[in-house]
Amino acid sequence: MTVSAQIDAFEQLSQLSTIRDWLRWSVSSLQRCEVYFGHGTDNAVSESQALLSAALHLDFAQLEQFADAQLSEPERQQIYTWVVERIETRRPAAYITGEAWFAELPFVVDERVLVPRSPIAELIEQEFSPWLQHQPMRILDLCTGSGCIAIACAYAFPEAEVDALDLSADALAVAEINIANHGLEQRVIPIQSDLFQAIPGQVYDLIVTNPPYVDAADMASLPEEFQHEPELGLAAGEDGLDLVRTILREAPQHLSENGILICEVGNSMLALAATYPHVPFVWLEFERGGDGVFLLTREQLMAHHADFSATE
């Protein structure tokens, strides 16, 4: 049976009238057609809530509050269209709705940037406690993409200036939209740069980075949903560490005396630990799930500079 044959025709759904009805139908359809979840949601219920929330301009709590409300014909048509598009194209829901949430903040997204989904959001919401011992005045978001980490950090630390660096001009164009939408043009500065190249001599109290880290084997077997994202934001060589090696080697010269580096490497964490067995990576834990994020202080980075230089 083809994917199209598994989707109910809109005319067959005339008895679906409430939010509850359409949520149930969406969940059933996504599960029946075996779409992959991994862009901010991990199940059909959450994915369906994201689609209905955007279509109806309601948050998740309001979807429950108005679960028995009758939908208008345009609303029903919009939900149907988006669910069918999600199934037939395998585009992530955030690309279909044009919006993603990160650290409880909304962001414009499209195929120029990865869909925000990093567990680093939880660290930002906690103001990096207990690791950050002082209020940072300068923050660097390296490989910023949509700008979500930079913008969330600006909210968490209202006195801080944040530089948002990315190699991709397309990604920075999206980041600029989000910076403007949040009214942070004076504090979050987008800069095109190949890692640290555009900021010689600049020093930060906190460097946060979610660089590309997908290794060659994983790139070759990614679900179709990930193939809609820019390869530049995912692929990082045979072992997934092409960019991380440079970050580890060059970060200490851009950190203040008590500065810290927070870096996400995802599934490449095993390769990283094997490459640098003597480096005391602090692997952070998350209440809401996620792993592969490490912390190192400037002192630790300096102490193991020889290790990082040996893999140059």
C-alpha atoms as a PDB file:
ATOM      1  CA  MET A   1       0.000   0.000   0.000  1.00  0.00           C
ATOM      2  CA  THR A   2       1.362   3.417  -0.953  1.00  0.00           C
ATOM      3  CA  VAL A   3       1.676   6.213   1.600  1.00  0.00           C
ATOM      4  CA  SER A   4      -1.100   8.156  -0.136  1.00  0.00           C
ATOM      5  CA  ALA A   5      -3.403   5.153   0.100  1.00  0.00           C
ATOM      6  CA  GLN A   6      -2.907   5.056   3.866  1.00  0.00           C
ATOM      7  CA  ILE A   7      -4.189   8.620   4.352  1.00  0.00           C
ATOM      8  CA  ASP A   8      -7.919   9.236   4.696  1.00  0.00           C
ATOM      9  CA  ALA A   9      -9.416  11.575   2.110  1.00  0.00           C
ATOM     10  CA  PHE A  10     -10.671  14.836   3.558  1.00  0.00           C
ATOM     11  CA  GLU A  11     -14.211  14.037   2.458  1.00  0.00           C
ATOM     12  CA  GLN A  12     -14.142  10.857   4.545  1.00  0.00           C
ATOM     13  CA  LEU A  13     -13.531  12.849   7.724  1.00  0.00           C
ATOM     14  CA  SER A  14     -16.766  14.814   7.874  1.00  0.00           C
ATOM     15  CA  GLN A  15     -17.625  13.380  11.287  1.00  0.00           C
ATOM     16  CA  LEU A  16     -14.452  14.810  12.840  1.00  0.00           C
ATOM     17  CA  SER A  17     -15.488  18.141  14.302  1.00  0.00           C
ATOM     18  CA  THR A  18     -13.603  18.899  17.537  1.00  0.00           C
ATOM     19  CA  ILE A  19      -9.975  19.468  18.472  1.00  0.00           C
ATOM     20  CA  ARG A  20     -10.056  16.122  20.261  1.00  0.00           C
ATOM     21  CA  ASP A  21     -11.306  14.398  17.089  1.00  0.00           C
ATOM     22  CA  TRP A  22      -8.627  15.881  14.877  1.00  0.00           C
ATOM     23  CA  LEU A  23      -5.851  15.274  17.395  1.00  0.00           C
ATOM     24  CA  ARG A  24      -6.816  11.604  17.548  1.00  0.00           C
ATOM     25  CA  TRP A  25      -6.965  11.351  13.746  1.00  0.00           C
ATOM     26  CA  SER A  26      -3.559  13.007  13.380  1.00  0.00           C
ATOM     27  CA  VAL A  27      -1.966  10.651  15.911  1.00  0.00           C
ATOM     28  CA  SER A  28      -3.462   7.623  14.191  1.00  0.00           C
ATOM     29  CA  SER A  29      -2.378   8.810  10.743  1.00  0.00           C
ATOM     30  CA  LEU A  30       1.208   9.581  11.748  1.00  0.00           C
ATOM     31  CA  GLN A  31       1.566   6.242  13.493  1.00  0.00           C
ATOM     32  CA  ARG A  32      -0.064   4.271  10.671  1.00  0.00           C
ATOM     33  CA  CYS A  33       2.293   5.831   8.131  1.00  0.00           C
ATOM     34  CA  GLU A  34       5.349   5.350  10.368  1.00  0.00           C
ATOM     35  CA  VAL A  35       6.815   8.823  10.185  1.00  0.00           C
ATOM     36  CA  TYR A  36      10.019   9.424  12.135  1.00  0.00           C
ATOM     37  CA  PHE A  37      10.015  11.718  15.169  1.00  0.00           C
ATOM     38  CA  GLY A  38      13.223  13.460  16.165  1.00  0.00           C
ATOM     39  CA  HIS A  39      12.887  17.186  15.617  1.00  0.00           C
ATOM     40  CA  GLY A  40      11.701  18.429  18.986  1.00  0.00           C
ATOM     41  CA  THR A  41       9.191  15.627  19.547  1.00  0.00           C
ATOM     42  CA  ASP A  42       9.612  11.891  19.974  1.00  0.00           C
ATOM     43  CA  ASN A  43       6.065  10.598  19.549  1.00  0.00           C
ATOM     44  CA  ALA A  44       2.925  11.015  17.440  1.00  0.00           C
ATOM     45  CA  VAL A  45       0.947  12.778  20.187  1.00  0.00           C
ATOM     46  CA  SER A  46       3.486  15.578  20.679  1.00  0.00           C
ATOM     47  CA  GLU A  47       3.977  15.923  16.922  1.00  0.00           C
ATOM     48  CA  SER A  48       0.221  16.196  16.389  1.00  0.00           C
ATOM     49  CA  GLN A  49      -0.067  18.745  19.180  1.00  0.00           C
ATOM     50  CA  ALA A  50       2.630  20.836  17.481  1.00  0.00           C
ATOM     51  CA  LEU A  51       0.735  20.797  14.181  1.00  0.00           C
ATOM     52  CA  LEU A  52      -2.645  21.578  15.750  1.00  0.00           C
ATOM     53  CA  SER A  53      -1.174  24.224  18.029  1.00  0.00           C
ATOM     54  CA  ALA A  54       0.247  26.141  15.071  1.00  0.00           C
ATOM     55  CA  ALA A  55      -2.865  25.678  12.936  1.00  0.00           C
ATOM     56  CA  LEU A  56      -5.216  26.904  15.681  1.00  0.00           C
ATOM     57  CA  HIS A  57      -2.918  29.462  17.356  1.00  0.00           C
ATOM     58  CA  LEU A  58      -3.303  27.696  20.711  1.00  0.00           C
ATOM     59  CA  ASP A  59      -0.640  26.436  23.091  1.00  0.00           C
ATOM     60  CA  PHE A  60      -0.672  22.833  24.306  1.00  0.00           C
ATOM     61  CA  ALA A  61      -2.548  23.682  27.495  1.00  0.00           C
ATOM     62  CA  GLN A  62      -5.205  25.511  25.483  1.00  0.00           C
ATOM     63  CA  LEU A  63      -5.568  22.535  23.140  1.00  0.00           C
ATOM     64  CA  GLU A  64      -6.648  20.518  26.180  1.00  0.00           C
ATOM     65  CA  GLN A  65      -8.779  23.361  27.547  1.00  0.00           C
ATOM     66  CA  PHE A  66     -10.711  23.636  24.284  1.00  0.00           C
ATOM     67  CA  ALA A  67     -10.506  19.955  23.320  1.00  0.00           C
ATOM     68  CA  ASP A  68     -14.246  19.726  22.686  1.00  0.00           C
ATOM     69  CA  ALA A  69     -14.512  22.971  20.718  1.00  0.00           C
ATOM     70  CA  GLN A  70     -15.884  22.708  17.184  1.00  0.00           C
ATOM     71  CA  LEU A  71     -13.471  23.594  14.388  1.00  0.00           C
ATOM     72  CA  SER A  72     -14.303  25.763  11.427  1.00  0.00           C
ATOM     73  CA  GLU A  73     -13.961  24.411   7.888  1.00  0.00           C
ATOM     74  CA  PRO A  74     -10.741  26.405   7.197  1.00  0.00           C
ATOM     75  CA  GLU A  75      -9.241  25.120  10.454  1.00  0.00           C
ATOM     76  CA  ARG A  76     -10.100  21.523   9.597  1.00  0.00           C
ATOM     77  CA  GLN A  77      -8.659  21.955   6.122  1.00  0.00           C
ATOM     78  CA  GLN A  78      -5.418  23.454   7.478  1.00  0.00           C
ATOM     79  CA  ILE A  79      -4.876  20.601   9.927  1.00  0.00           C
ATOM     80  CA  TYR A  80      -5.602  18.020   7.256  1.00  0.00           C
ATOM     81  CA  THR A  81      -3.254  19.671   4.765  1.00  0.00           C
ATOM     82  CA  TRP A  82      -0.378  19.842   7.240  1.00  0.00           C
ATOM     83  CA  VAL A  83      -0.746  16.272   8.476  1.00  0.00           C
ATOM     84  CA  VAL A  84      -0.864  14.965   4.908  1.00  0.00           C
ATOM     85  CA  GLU A  85       2.209  17.043   4.016  1.00  0.00           C
ATOM     86  CA  ARG A  86       4.039  15.711   7.076  1.00  0.00           C
ATOM     87  CA  ILE A  87       3.341  12.152   5.951  1.00  0.00           C
ATOM     88  CA  GLU A  88       3.883  12.462   2.214  1.00  0.00           C
ATOM     89  CA  THR A  89       6.980  14.688   2.208  1.00  0.00           C
ATOM     90  CA  ARG A  90       8.538  13.583   5.530  1.00  0.00           C
ATOM     91  CA  ARG A  91       9.370  17.246   6.197  1.00  0.00           C
ATOM     92  CA  PRO A  92       9.758  17.974   9.927  1.00  0.00           C
ATOM     93  CA  ALA A  93       6.675  19.606  11.443  1.00  0.00           C
ATOM     94  CA  ALA A  94       8.617  22.781  12.260  1.00  0.00           C
ATOM     95  CA  TYR A  95       9.374  23.353   8.570  1.00  0.00           C
ATOM     96  CA  ILE A  96       5.710  22.894   7.724  1.00  0.00           C
ATOM     97  CA  THR A  97       4.463  25.359  10.348  1.00  0.00           C
ATOM     98  CA  GLY A  98       7.507  27.646  10.067  1.00  0.00           C
ATOM     99  CA  GLU A  99       7.943  27.709  13.831  1.00  0.00           C
ATOM    100  CA  ALA A 100       9.835  25.841  16.535  1.00  0.00           C
ATOM    101  CA  TRP A 101      10.101  26.293  20.287  1.00  0.00           C
ATOM    102  CA  PHE A 102      13.342  26.280  22.257  1.00  0.00           C
ATOM    103  CA  ALA A 103      13.758  27.130  25.956  1.00  0.00           C
ATOM    104  CA  GLU A 104      10.054  28.075  25.930  1.00  0.00           C
ATOM    105  CA  LEU A 105      10.683  30.698  23.233  1.00  0.00           C
ATOM    106  CA  PRO A 106       9.323  30.737  19.638  1.00  0.00           C
ATOM    107  CA  PHE A 107      11.645  30.764  16.630  1.00  0.00           C
ATOM    108  CA  VAL A 108      11.158  31.089  12.898  1.00  0.00           C
ATOM    109  CA  VAL A 109      12.711  28.101  11.100  1.00  0.00           C
ATOM    110  CA  ASP A 110      12.964  26.793   7.549  1.00  0.00           C
ATOM    111  CA  GLU A 111      15.245  24.505   5.544  1.00  0.00           C
ATOM    112  CA  ARG A 112      18.153  26.957   5.886  1.00  0.00           C
ATOM    113  CA  VAL A 113      18.669  25.907   9.519  1.00  0.00           C
ATOM    114  CA  LEU A 114      18.409  22.812  11.687  1.00  0.00           C
ATOM    115  CA  VAL A 115      15.228  22.446  13.708  1.00  0.00           C
ATOM    116  CA  PRO A 116      16.072  23.507  17.313  1.00  0.00           C
ATOM    117  CA  ARG A 117      16.094  20.467  19.610  1.00  0.00           C
ATOM    118  CA  SER A 118      19.247  20.632  21.725  1.00  0.00           C
ATOM    119  CA  PRO A 119      19.085  19.606  25.405  1.00  0.00           C
ATOM    120  CA  ILE A 120      21.232  22.695  26.019  1.00  0.00           C
ATOM    121  CA  ALA A 121      17.898  24.522  26.374  1.00  0.00           C
ATOM    122  CA  GLU A 122      17.564  22.981  29.834  1.00  0.00           C
ATOM    123  CA  LEU A 123      20.994  24.299  30.852  1.00  0.00           C
ATOM    124  CA  ILE A 124      20.094  27.796  29.689  1.00  0.00           C
ATOM    125  CA  GLU A 125      16.828  27.749  31.634  1.00  0.00           C
ATOM    126  CA  GLN A 126      18.871  26.822  34.729  1.00  0.00           C
ATOM    127  CA  GLU A 127      21.412  29.575  33.930  1.00  0.00           C
ATOM    128  CA  PHE A 128      24.090  26.857  33.688  1.00  0.00           C
ATOM    129  CA  SER A 129      23.891  26.266  37.433  1.00  0.00           C
ATOM    130  CA  PRO A 130      25.954  25.075  39.259  1.00  0.00           C
ATOM    131  CA  TRP A 131      28.690  25.258  36.640  1.00  0.00           C
ATOM    132  CA  LEU A 132      28.699  28.991  35.972  1.00  0.00           C
ATOM    133  CA  GLN A 133      29.877  30.740  39.124  1.00  0.00           C
ATOM    134  CA  HIS A 134      29.287  34.313  37.952  1.00  0.00           C
ATOM    135  CA  GLN A 135      27.027  36.304  35.675  1.00  0.00           C
ATOM    136  CA  PRO A 136      28.634  36.240  32.201  1.00  0.00           C
ATOM    137  CA  MET A 137      29.044  39.583  30.505  1.00  0.00           C
ATOM    138  CA  ARG A 138      30.096  38.177  27.125  1.00  0.00           C
ATOM    139  CA  ILE A 139      28.705  34.960  25.605  1.00  0.00           C
ATOM    140  CA  LEU A 140      29.587  33.220  22.346  1.00  0.00           C
ATOM    141  CA  ASP A 141      27.135  30.941  20.542  1.00  0.00           C
ATOM    142  CA  LEU A 142      29.311  29.087  18.043  1.00  0.00           C
ATOM    143  CA  CYS A 143      27.472  27.509  15.062  1.00  0.00           C
ATOM    144  CA  THR A 144      24.339  29.449  15.946  1.00  0.00           C
ATOM    145  CA  GLY A 145      22.017  28.275  13.151  1.00  0.00           C
ATOM    146  CA  SER A 146      18.598  29.795  13.857  1.00  0.00           C
ATOM    147  CA  GLY A 147      20.081  31.810  16.734  1.00  0.00           C
ATOM    148  CA  CYS A 148      18.009  29.960  19.320  1.00  0.00           C
ATOM    149  CA  ILE A 149      20.846  29.347  21.786  1.00  0.00           C
ATOM    150  CA  ALA A 150      22.160  32.919  21.498  1.00  0.00           C
ATOM    151  CA  ILE A 151      18.713  34.423  21.973  1.00  0.00           C
ATOM    152  CA  ALA A 152      17.804  32.136  24.880  1.00  0.00           C
ATOM    153  CA  CYS A 153      21.104  33.056  26.559  1.00  0.00           C
ATOM    154  CA  ALA A 154      20.311  36.750  26.105  1.00  0.00           C
ATOM    155  CA  TYR A 155      17.025  36.226  27.939  1.00  0.00           C
ATOM    156  CA  ALA A 156      18.720  34.232  30.710  1.00  0.00           C
ATOM    157  CA  PHE A 157      21.454  36.837  31.212  1.00  0.00           C
ATOM    158  CA  PRO A 158      19.940  40.298  30.540  1.00  0.00           C
ATOM    159  CA  GLU A 159      23.229  42.147  31.073  1.00  0.00           C
ATOM    160  CA  ALA A 160      25.241  40.005  28.672  1.00  0.00           C
ATOM    161  CA  GLU A 161      26.311  40.699  25.105  1.00  0.00           C
ATOM    162  CA  VAL A 162      26.033  37.650  22.840  1.00  0.00           C
ATOM    163  CA  ASP A 163      27.904  36.980  19.610  1.00  0.00           C
ATOM    164  CA  ALA A 164      26.185  34.465  17.310  1.00  0.00           C
ATOM    165  CA  LEU A 165      28.607  32.924  14.808  1.00  0.00           C
ATOM    166  CA  ASP A 166      27.906  30.671  11.839  1.00  0.00           C
ATOM    167  CA  LEU A 167      29.622  29.793   8.585  1.00  0.00           C
ATOM    168  CA  SER A 168      26.321  29.745   6.674  1.00  0.00           C
ATOM    169  CA  ALA A 169      25.022  33.069   5.371  1.00  0.00           C
ATOM    170  CA  ASP A 170      21.636  31.419   4.889  1.00  0.00           C
ATOM    171  CA  ALA A 171      21.505  30.359   8.528  1.00  0.00           C
ATOM    172  CA  LEU A 172      22.504  33.843   9.684  1.00  0.00           C
ATOM    173  CA  ALA A 173      19.666  35.329   7.625  1.00  0.00           C
ATOM    174  CA  VAL A 174      17.234  33.221   9.664  1.00  0.00           C
ATOM    175  CA  ALA A 175      19.033  34.141  12.894  1.00  0.00           C
ATOM    176  CA  GLU A 176      18.662  37.826  12.043  1.00  0.00           C
ATOM    177  CA  ILE A 177      14.905  37.368  11.658  1.00  0.00           C
ATOM    178  CA  ASN A 178      14.706  35.740  15.075  1.00  0.00           C
ATOM    179  CA  ILE A 179      16.919  38.344  16.705  1.00  0.00           C
ATOM    180  CA  ALA A 180      14.657  41.088  15.361  1.00  0.00           C
ATOM    181  CA  ASN A 181      11.493  39.231  16.374  1.00  0.00           C
ATOM    182  CA  HIS A 182      12.773  39.121  19.945  1.00  0.00           C
ATOM    183  CA  GLY A 183      13.945  42.744  19.898  1.00  0.00           C
ATOM    184  CA  LEU A 184      17.544  41.842  20.698  1.00  0.00           C
ATOM    185  CA  GLU A 185      19.396  43.615  17.877  1.00  0.00           C
ATOM    186  CA  GLN A 186      21.490  45.587  20.386  1.00  0.00           C
ATOM    187  CA  ARG A 187      22.665  42.568  22.364  1.00  0.00           C
ATOM    188  CA  VAL A 188      22.795  39.572  19.997  1.00  0.00           C
ATOM    189  CA  ILE A 189      25.199  40.110  17.100  1.00  0.00           C
ATOM    190  CA  PRO A 190      25.195  37.683  14.142  1.00  0.00           C
ATOM    191  CA  ILE A 191      28.650  37.191  12.599  1.00  0.00           C
ATOM    192  CA  GLN A 192      29.626  35.051   9.623  1.00  0.00           C
ATOM    193  CA  SER A 193      32.664  33.025  10.601  1.00  0.00           C
ATOM    194  CA  ASP A 194      34.346  29.667  10.073  1.00  0.00           C
ATOM    195  CA  LEU A 195      34.408  28.772  13.770  1.00  0.00           C
ATOM    196  CA  PHE A 196      36.628  31.381  15.533  1.00  0.00           C
ATOM    197  CA  GLN A 197      38.269  32.908  12.436  1.00  0.00           C
ATOM    198  CA  ALA A 198      36.278  36.175  12.396  1.00  0.00           C
ATOM    199  CA  ILE A 199      36.841  37.009  16.076  1.00  0.00           C
ATOM    200  CA  PRO A 200      40.599  37.111  16.728  1.00  0.00           C
ATOM    201  CA  GLY A 201      41.369  38.363  20.226  1.00  0.00           C
ATOM    202  CA  GLN A 202      37.749  38.245  21.411  1.00  0.00           C
ATOM    203  CA  VAL A 203      37.251  36.750  24.884  1.00  0.00           C
ATOM    204  CA  TYR A 204      34.060  35.366  26.440  1.00  0.00           C
ATOM    205  CA  ASP A 205      32.932  34.193  29.858  1.00  0.00           C
ATOM    206  CA  LEU A 206      30.848  31.418  28.294  1.00  0.00           C
ATOM    207  CA  ILE A 207      31.116  29.600  24.981  1.00  0.00           C
ATOM    208  CA  VAL A 208      28.139  27.455  24.036  1.00  0.00           C
ATOM    209  CA  THR A 209      28.248  25.411  20.862  1.00  0.00           C
ATOM    210  CA  ASN A 210      26.117  22.830  19.096  1.00  0.00           C
ATOM    211  CA  PRO A 211      28.338  22.203  16.066  1.00  0.00           C
ATOM    212  CA  PRO A 212      27.836  19.626  13.318  1.00  0.00           C
ATOM    213  CA  TYR A 213      28.757  16.244  14.808  1.00  0.00           C
ATOM    214  CA  VAL A 214      27.127  13.486  12.739  1.00  0.00           C
ATOM    215  CA  ASP A 215      29.668  10.886  11.585  1.00  0.00           C
ATOM    216  CA  ALA A 216      29.799   9.383   8.100  1.00  0.00           C
ATOM    217  CA  ALA A 217      28.050   6.131   9.049  1.00  0.00           C
ATOM    218  CA  ASP A 218      25.117   7.946  10.652  1.00  0.00           C
ATOM    219  CA  MET A 219      24.882  10.422   7.765  1.00  0.00           C
ATOM    220  CA  ALA A 220      24.477   7.485   5.385  1.00  0.00           C
ATOM    221  CA  SER A 221      21.567   6.061   7.373  1.00  0.00           C
ATOM    222  CA  LEU A 222      19.647   9.141   8.514  1.00  0.00           C
ATOM    223  CA  PRO A 223      15.828   8.928   8.340  1.00  0.00           C
ATOM    224  CA  GLU A 224      14.259  10.868   5.490  1.00  0.00           C
ATOM    225  CA  GLU A 225      13.167  13.681   7.830  1.00  0.00           C
ATOM    226  CA  PHE A 226      16.796  14.677   8.444  1.00  0.00           C
ATOM    227  CA  GLN A 227      17.522  14.871   4.731  1.00  0.00           C
ATOM    228  CA  HIS A 228      15.455  18.070   4.620  1.00  0.00           C
ATOM    229  CA  GLU A 229      17.939  19.778   6.951  1.00  0.00           C
ATOM    230  CA  PRO A 230      21.120  21.466   5.642  1.00  0.00           C
ATOM    231  CA  GLU A 231      23.955  18.943   5.447  1.00  0.00           C
ATOM    232  CA  LEU A 232      26.363  21.698   6.510  1.00  0.00           C
ATOM    233  CA  GLY A 233      24.676  21.708   9.918  1.00  0.00           C
ATOM    234  CA  LEU A 234      24.956  17.949  10.414  1.00  0.00           C
ATOM    235  CA  ALA A 235      27.949  16.282   8.752  1.00  0.00           C
ATOM    236  CA  ALA A 236      31.319  16.378  10.516  1.00  0.00           C
ATOM    237  CA  GLY A 237      33.580  13.854   8.851  1.00  0.00           C
ATOM    238  CA  GLU A 238      34.289  10.189   9.357  1.00  0.00           C
ATOM    239  CA  ASP A 239      34.087  10.220  13.168  1.00  0.00           C
ATOM    240  CA  GLY A 240      31.895  13.293  13.653  1.00  0.00           C
ATOM    241  CA  LEU A 241      34.685  15.290  15.285  1.00  0.00           C
ATOM    242  CA  ASP A 242      36.027  17.472  12.458  1.00  0.00           C
ATOM    243  CA  LEU A 243      34.807  20.723  14.019  1.00  0.00           C
ATOM    244  CA  VAL A 244      35.054  19.655  17.653  1.00  0.00           C
ATOM    245  CA  ARG A 245      38.805  19.104  17.364  1.00  0.00           C
ATOM    246  CA  THR A 246      39.291  22.709  16.290  1.00  0.00           C
ATOM    247  CA  ILE A 247      36.921  23.995  18.972  1.00  0.00           C
ATOM    248  CA  LEU A 248      38.838  22.190  21.714  1.00  0.00           C
ATOM    249  CA  ARG A 249      42.162  23.455  20.421  1.00  0.00           C
ATOM    250  CA  GLU A 250      41.158  27.095  19.940  1.00  0.00           C
ATOM    251  CA  ALA A 251      38.508  27.701  22.626  1.00  0.00           C
ATOM    252  CA  PRO A 252      40.864  28.504  25.534  1.00  0.00           C
ATOM    253  CA  GLN A 253      42.265  31.584  23.822  1.00  0.00           C
ATOM    254  CA  HIS A 254      38.698  32.914  23.609  1.00  0.00           C
ATOM    255  CA  LEU A 255      37.710  32.199  27.227  1.00  0.00           C
ATOM    256  CA  SER A 256      38.151  34.469  30.234  1.00  0.00           C
ATOM    257  CA  GLU A 257      40.054  33.186  33.263  1.00  0.00           C
ATOM    258  CA  ASN A 258      37.010  31.501  34.815  1.00  0.00           C
ATOM    259  CA  GLY A 259      35.248  30.826  31.528  1.00  0.00           C
ATOM    260  CA  ILE A 260      33.652  27.535  30.528  1.00  0.00           C
ATOM    261  CA  LEU A 261      32.947  25.700  27.282  1.00  0.00           C
ATOM    262  CA  ILE A 262      29.651  23.853  26.789  1.00  0.00           C
ATOM    263  CA  CYS A 263      29.657  21.658  23.673  1.00  0.00           C
ATOM    264  CA  GLU A 264      27.178  19.156  22.239  1.00  0.00           C
ATOM    265  CA  VAL A 265      28.546  16.159  20.344  1.00  0.00           C
ATOM    266  CA  GLY A 266      25.560  13.797  20.469  1.00  0.00           C
ATOM    267  CA  ASN A 267      26.296  10.251  19.328  1.00  0.00           C
ATOM    268  CA  SER A 268      29.937  11.181  18.715  1.00  0.00           C
ATOM    269  CA  MET A 269      30.572  11.283  22.457  1.00  0.00           C
ATOM    270  CA  LEU A 270      32.084   7.779  22.380  1.00  0.00           C
ATOM    271  CA  ALA A 271      34.476   8.739  19.590  1.00  0.00           C
ATOM    272  CA  LEU A 272      35.437  11.903  21.485  1.00  0.00           C
ATOM    273  CA  ALA A 273      36.158  10.028  24.714  1.00  0.00           C
ATOM    274  CA  ALA A 274      38.220   7.466  22.800  1.00  0.00           C
ATOM    275  CA  THR A 275      40.188  10.175  20.974  1.00  0.00           C
ATOM    276  CA  TYR A 276      41.032  12.042  24.188  1.00  0.00           C
ATOM    277  CA  PRO A 277      41.084   9.372  26.940  1.00  0.00           C
ATOM    278  CA  HIS A 278      42.958  11.574  29.401  1.00  0.00           C
ATOM    279  CA  VAL A 279      40.668  14.622  29.131  1.00  0.00           C
ATOM    280  CA  PRO A 280      38.234  14.910  32.095  1.00  0.00           C
ATOM    281  CA  PHE A 281      35.087  15.672  30.106  1.00  0.00           C
ATOM    282  CA  VAL A 282      32.133  16.459  32.378  1.00  0.00           C
ATOM    283  CA  TRP A 283      29.141  14.829  30.684  1.00  0.00           C
ATOM    284  CA  LEU A 284      26.037  16.736  31.689  1.00  0.00           C
ATOM    285  CA  GLU A 285      22.737  15.094  32.636  1.00  0.00           C
ATOM    286  CA  PHE A 286      19.271  16.305  31.700  1.00  0.00           C
ATOM    287  CA  GLU A 287      15.955  15.841  33.449  1.00  0.00           C
ATOM    288  CA  ARG A 288      14.041  16.049  30.159  1.00  0.00           C
ATOM    289  CA  GLY A 289      16.279  13.631  28.299  1.00  0.00           C
ATOM    290  CA  GLY A 290      19.249  13.988  26.011  1.00  0.00           C
ATOM    291  CA  ASP A 291      22.973  13.372  26.316  1.00  0.00           C
ATOM    292  CA  GLY A 292      26.241  14.004  24.531  1.00  0.00           C
ATOM    293  CA  VAL A 293      26.878  17.458  26.007  1.00  0.00           C
ATOM    294  CA  PHE A 294      30.166  18.075  27.810  1.00  0.00           C
ATOM    295  CA  LEU A 295      31.652  20.871  29.890  1.00  0.00           C
ATOM    296  CA  LEU A 296      35.289  21.906  30.203  1.00  0.00           C
ATOM    297  CA  THR A 297      36.769  24.889  31.995  1.00  0.00           C
ATOM    298  CA  ARG A 298      39.411  27.098  30.438  1.00  0.00           C
ATOM    299  CA  GLU A 299      41.882  25.665  32.949  1.00  0.00           C
ATOM    300  CA  GLN A 300      41.115  22.115  31.788  1.00  0.00           C
ATOM    301  CA  LEU A 301      41.349  23.097  28.135  1.00  0.00           C
ATOM    302  CA  MET A 302      44.739  24.710  28.748  1.00  0.00           C
ATOM    303  CA  ALA A 303      45.983  21.712  30.735  1.00  0.00           C
ATOM    304  CA  HIS A 304      45.205  19.359  27.828  1.00  0.00           C
ATOM    305  CA  HIS A 305      46.219  21.662  24.993  1.00  0.00           C
ATOM    306  CA  ALA A 306      48.933  19.201  23.949  1.00  0.00           C
ATOM    307  CA  ASP A 307      46.308  16.464  23.533  1.00  0.00           C
ATOM    308  CA  PHE A 308      44.166  18.693  21.343  1.00  0.00           C
ATOM    309  CA  SER A 309      47.120  19.935  19.280  1.00  0.00           C
ATOM    310  CA  ALA A 310      48.273  16.352  18.645  1.00  0.00           C
ATOM    311  CA  THR A 311      45.105  15.652  16.633  1.00  0.00           C
ATOM    312  CA  GLU A 312      45.369  18.811  14.508  1.00  0.00           C
END
